[in-house]
Structures are given as structure tokens and as C-alpha cells.
């Protein structure tokens, strides 16, 4: 793609997110949820809600031990 070609697109790519110290916790919870969805047929919304709850709990525990 030449520089002039970029002007033909109406949208711009999103900026990359800045990683946090909690990304590994969240990623692990999401991966567990995806595994339950694919392998066990768990409802997507339930699996993602539970993953969110688990990630938040693990983050709270990590913060509590850091103090």
C-alpha cells in the first residue's frame, strides 16, 4: 500500500491498548471461559459473566496481598 492509498479509507485504525498489570489475570479468565464454551457447550453470556467475576476476584486478592 502506498502512502496515497491510506487517504481512501474513511476510518482510522484504533490505537493499541496499553497493557496493565492485570492483563494476564483477565486473559486467563477469558481463556477458561472460551474452553468451557467450546468443550462443554456452556452458554456464552454465563461463561463470560463468570470469567469477569473470577478475574475481578483474583485482582482483589492480588491487591489485598500487595498491601
Protein backbone atom coordinates (compact mmCIF):
# COMPACT_ATOMS: atom_id res chain seq x y z
CA UNK A 1 0.00 0.00 0.00
CA UNK A 2 1.37 3.37 -0.94
CA UNK A 3 1.01 6.42 1.27
CA UNK A 4 -1.63 7.92 -1.02
CA UNK A 5 -3.81 4.82 -0.66
CA UNK A 6 -4.34 5.48 3.06
CA UNK A 7 -6.33 8.59 2.26
CA UNK A 8 -9.00 6.47 0.54
CA UNK A 9 -10.14 4.92 3.83
CA UNK A 10 -12.75 6.74 5.88
CA UNK A 11 -11.77 5.14 9.17
CA UNK A 12 -8.51 5.13 11.05
CA UNK A 13 -7.12 2.14 12.90
CA UNK A 14 -7.69 2.14 16.65
CA UNK A 15 -4.75 2.93 18.87
CA UNK A 16 -3.13 -0.05 20.53
CA UNK A 17 -4.15 -0.51 24.15
CA UNK A 18 -1.67 -0.04 26.96
CA UNK A 19 -1.15 -3.33 28.82
CA UNK A 20 -1.82 -3.34 32.55
CA UNK A 21 -0.55 -5.48 35.38
CA UNK A 22 -3.93 -7.26 35.35
CA UNK A 23 -3.94 -8.39 31.71
CA UNK A 24 -2.63 -11.86 32.47
CA UNK A 25 -5.37 -12.41 35.07
CA UNK A 26 -8.10 -11.27 32.68
CA UNK A 27 -6.68 -13.28 29.77
CA UNK A 28 -6.56 -16.44 31.86
CA UNK A 29 -10.20 -16.00 32.89
CA UNK A 30 -11.30 -15.39 29.30
CA UNK A 31 -9.37 -18.44 28.08
CA UNK A 32 -11.04 -20.59 30.75
CA UNK A 33 -14.44 -19.28 29.66
CA UNK A 34 -13.77 -19.99 26.00
CA UNK A 35 -12.69 -23.52 26.85
CA UNK A 36 -15.95 -24.09 28.75
CA UNK A 37 -17.97 -22.70 25.84
CA UNK A 38 -16.26 -24.86 23.22
CA UNK A 39 -15.69 -28.08 25.15
CA UNK A 40 -18.70 -28.13 27.47
CA UNK A 41 -21.25 -26.12 25.50
CA UNK A 42 -21.67 -23.57 28.26
CA UNK A 43 -23.80 -20.53 27.48
CA UNK A 44 -21.58 -17.69 26.23
CA UNK A 45 -23.07 -14.97 28.42
CA UNK A 46 -22.85 -17.12 31.53
CA UNK A 47 -19.26 -18.12 30.82
CA UNK A 48 -18.20 -14.51 30.20
CA UNK A 49 -20.02 -13.23 33.28
CA UNK A 50 -18.35 -15.89 35.42
CA UNK A 51 -14.97 -15.08 33.84
CA UNK A 52 -15.48 -11.42 34.72
CA UNK A 53 -16.37 -12.32 38.31
CA UNK A 54 -13.34 -14.63 38.64
CA UNK A 55 -10.98 -12.06 37.17
CA UNK A 56 -12.26 -9.34 39.48
CA UNK A 57 -11.94 -11.66 42.49
CA UNK A 58 -8.37 -12.59 41.57
CA UNK A 59 -7.49 -8.92 41.11
CA UNK A 60 -8.97 -8.05 44.52
CA UNK A 61 -6.95 -10.88 46.08
CA UNK A 62 -3.78 -9.71 44.37
CA UNK A 63 -4.35 -6.15 45.57
CA UNK A 64 -5.04 -7.34 49.12
CA UNK A 65 -1.80 -9.31 49.28
CA UNK A 66 0.16 -6.40 47.81
CA UNK A 67 -0.71 -4.11 50.73
